[in-house]
């Protein structure tokens, strides 16, 4: 199979204990759709991100993910392999 690019948006919010957790990731058809959804999520959640990943799902080989958009707080472990800031404050600036 050939390489496929996936576009994904994901939100982060705090649970009852105050821990920042990732919500369910949602695949989008285009990078613009992923960014648009992430922007909407960022307005109501602790943080949100859109990213893309290209690779061959049959072989399980993927390139590093590329961040398309990020705002607010992110779960550090989730973002550890992504380029760019590793943890963002509520204003979207490095924290």
C-alpha atoms as a PDB file:
ATOM      1  CA  UNK A   1       0.000   0.000   0.000  1.00  0.00           C
ATOM      2  CA  UNK A   2       1.177   3.545  -0.595  1.00  0.00           C
ATOM      3  CA  UNK A   3       1.634   6.305   1.938  1.00  0.00           C
ATOM      4  CA  UNK A   4      -1.456   7.966   3.372  1.00  0.00           C
ATOM      5  CA  UNK A   5      -1.645  11.259   5.257  1.00  0.00           C
ATOM      6  CA  UNK A   6      -4.003  11.402   8.217  1.00  0.00           C
ATOM      7  CA  UNK A   7      -5.272  14.743   9.570  1.00  0.00           C
ATOM      8  CA  UNK A   8      -6.333  14.648  13.194  1.00  0.00           C
ATOM      9  CA  UNK A   9      -7.735  17.019  15.801  1.00  0.00           C
ATOM     10  CA  UNK A  10      -7.725  16.338  19.526  1.00  0.00           C
ATOM     11  CA  UNK A  11      -8.762  18.257  22.616  1.00  0.00           C
ATOM     12  CA  UNK A  12      -7.429  18.192  26.157  1.00  0.00           C
ATOM     13  CA  UNK A  13      -9.372  18.878  29.342  1.00  0.00           C
ATOM     14  CA  UNK A  14      -9.013  18.485  33.073  1.00  0.00           C
ATOM     15  CA  UNK A  15     -10.667  15.546  34.829  1.00  0.00           C
ATOM     16  CA  UNK A  16     -12.299  15.642  38.285  1.00  0.00           C
ATOM     17  CA  UNK A  17      -8.881  15.310  39.945  1.00  0.00           C
ATOM     18  CA  UNK A  18      -7.551  18.247  37.961  1.00  0.00           C
ATOM     19  CA  UNK A  19      -5.303  16.108  35.750  1.00  0.00           C
ATOM     20  CA  UNK A  20      -4.995  17.130  32.121  1.00  0.00           C
ATOM     21  CA  UNK A  21      -6.192  14.294  29.862  1.00  0.00           C
ATOM     22  CA  UNK A  22      -6.499  13.803  26.110  1.00  0.00           C
ATOM     23  CA  UNK A  23      -9.985  13.356  24.707  1.00  0.00           C
ATOM     24  CA  UNK A  24     -10.769  11.111  21.752  1.00  0.00           C
ATOM     25  CA  UNK A  25      -8.899  12.056  18.579  1.00  0.00           C
ATOM     26  CA  UNK A  26     -11.018  12.738  15.496  1.00  0.00           C
ATOM     27  CA  UNK A  27      -9.782  12.198  11.937  1.00  0.00           C
ATOM     28  CA  UNK A  28     -10.515  14.881   9.331  1.00  0.00           C
ATOM     29  CA  UNK A  29     -10.498  14.742   5.526  1.00  0.00           C
ATOM     30  CA  UNK A  30      -8.310  17.823   5.028  1.00  0.00           C
ATOM     31  CA  UNK A  31      -5.757  19.824   7.019  1.00  0.00           C
ATOM     32  CA  UNK A  32      -8.128  22.807   7.019  1.00  0.00           C
ATOM     33  CA  UNK A  33     -10.916  20.699   8.505  1.00  0.00           C
ATOM     34  CA  UNK A  34      -8.597  19.410  11.255  1.00  0.00           C
ATOM     35  CA  UNK A  35      -7.446  22.948  12.104  1.00  0.00           C
ATOM     36  CA  UNK A  36     -11.005  24.284  12.076  1.00  0.00           C
ATOM     37  CA  UNK A  37     -12.169  21.572  14.483  1.00  0.00           C
ATOM     38  CA  UNK A  38      -9.174  22.114  16.762  1.00  0.00           C
ATOM     39  CA  UNK A  39      -9.863  25.875  16.862  1.00  0.00           C
ATOM     40  CA  UNK A  40     -13.469  25.176  17.843  1.00  0.00           C
ATOM     41  CA  UNK A  41     -12.375  22.722  20.537  1.00  0.00           C
ATOM     42  CA  UNK A  42      -9.816  25.209  21.893  1.00  0.00           C
ATOM     43  CA  UNK A  43     -12.630  27.675  22.582  1.00  0.00           C
ATOM     44  CA  UNK A  44     -14.310  25.334  25.074  1.00  0.00           C
ATOM     45  CA  UNK A  45     -11.594  22.933  26.284  1.00  0.00           C
ATOM     46  CA  UNK A  46      -8.317  23.360  28.186  1.00  0.00           C
ATOM     47  CA  UNK A  47      -6.408  22.927  24.938  1.00  0.00           C
ATOM     48  CA  UNK A  48      -6.577  21.521  21.438  1.00  0.00           C
ATOM     49  CA  UNK A  49      -4.297  20.509  18.597  1.00  0.00           C
ATOM     50  CA  UNK A  50      -4.451  19.519  14.945  1.00  0.00           C
ATOM     51  CA  UNK A  51      -1.686  17.445  13.411  1.00  0.00           C
ATOM     52  CA  UNK A  52      -0.903  15.328  10.380  1.00  0.00           C
ATOM     53  CA  UNK A  53       0.895  12.011  10.013  1.00  0.00           C
ATOM     54  CA  UNK A  54       2.030  10.352   6.811  1.00  0.00           C
ATOM     55  CA  UNK A  55       2.928   6.720   6.413  1.00  0.00           C
ATOM     56  CA  UNK A  56       2.026   3.232   5.336  1.00  0.00           C
ATOM     57  CA  UNK A  57      -0.588   1.737   7.686  1.00  0.00           C
ATOM     58  CA  UNK A  58      -0.011  -1.782   6.334  1.00  0.00           C
ATOM     59  CA  UNK A  59       3.644  -1.645   7.339  1.00  0.00           C
ATOM     60  CA  UNK A  60       3.034   0.448  10.459  1.00  0.00           C
ATOM     61  CA  UNK A  61       5.705   2.897   9.324  1.00  0.00           C
ATOM     62  CA  UNK A  62       4.948   6.585   9.797  1.00  0.00           C
ATOM     63  CA  UNK A  63       6.907   9.804   9.558  1.00  0.00           C
ATOM     64  CA  UNK A  64       6.991  12.144  12.534  1.00  0.00           C
ATOM     65  CA  UNK A  65       3.731  13.993  13.055  1.00  0.00           C
ATOM     66  CA  UNK A  66       3.543  17.635  12.049  1.00  0.00           C
ATOM     67  CA  UNK A  67       1.632  20.120  14.181  1.00  0.00           C
ATOM     68  CA  UNK A  68      -0.867  22.149  12.151  1.00  0.00           C
ATOM     69  CA  UNK A  69      -2.381  24.090  15.082  1.00  0.00           C
ATOM     70  CA  UNK A  70      -2.120  24.114  18.862  1.00  0.00           C
ATOM     71  CA  UNK A  71      -3.628  26.253  21.602  1.00  0.00           C
ATOM     72  CA  UNK A  72      -4.018  26.011  25.346  1.00  0.00           C
ATOM     73  CA  UNK A  73      -2.699  23.231  27.548  1.00  0.00           C
ATOM     74  CA  UNK A  74      -1.402  19.970  26.106  1.00  0.00           C
ATOM     75  CA  UNK A  75      -0.647  16.633  27.754  1.00  0.00           C
ATOM     76  CA  UNK A  76       3.160  16.496  27.767  1.00  0.00           C
ATOM     77  CA  UNK A  77       3.379  12.744  27.118  1.00  0.00           C
ATOM     78  CA  UNK A  78       1.066  13.039  24.117  1.00  0.00           C
ATOM     79  CA  UNK A  79       3.183  15.779  22.573  1.00  0.00           C
ATOM     80  CA  UNK A  80       6.625  14.354  23.390  1.00  0.00           C
ATOM     81  CA  UNK A  81       7.221  13.063  19.854  1.00  0.00           C
ATOM     82  CA  UNK A  82       5.783  16.090  18.079  1.00  0.00           C
ATOM     83  CA  UNK A  83       7.914  19.019  16.924  1.00  0.00           C
ATOM     84  CA  UNK A  84       7.346  22.409  18.507  1.00  0.00           C
ATOM     85  CA  UNK A  85       6.462  23.451  22.068  1.00  0.00           C
ATOM     86  CA  UNK A  86       5.993  20.508  24.416  1.00  0.00           C
ATOM     87  CA  UNK A  87       3.608  22.099  26.891  1.00  0.00           C
ATOM     88  CA  UNK A  88       1.571  25.213  26.299  1.00  0.00           C
ATOM     89  CA  UNK A  89      -0.061  27.518  28.820  1.00  0.00           C
ATOM     90  CA  UNK A  90      -3.714  28.514  28.599  1.00  0.00           C
ATOM     91  CA  UNK A  91      -2.753  31.439  26.325  1.00  0.00           C
ATOM     92  CA  UNK A  92      -0.996  29.207  23.810  1.00  0.00           C
ATOM     93  CA  UNK A  93       2.487  30.359  24.763  1.00  0.00           C
ATOM     94  CA  UNK A  94       5.322  28.111  25.957  1.00  0.00           C
ATOM     95  CA  UNK A  95       4.877  27.376  29.652  1.00  0.00           C
END
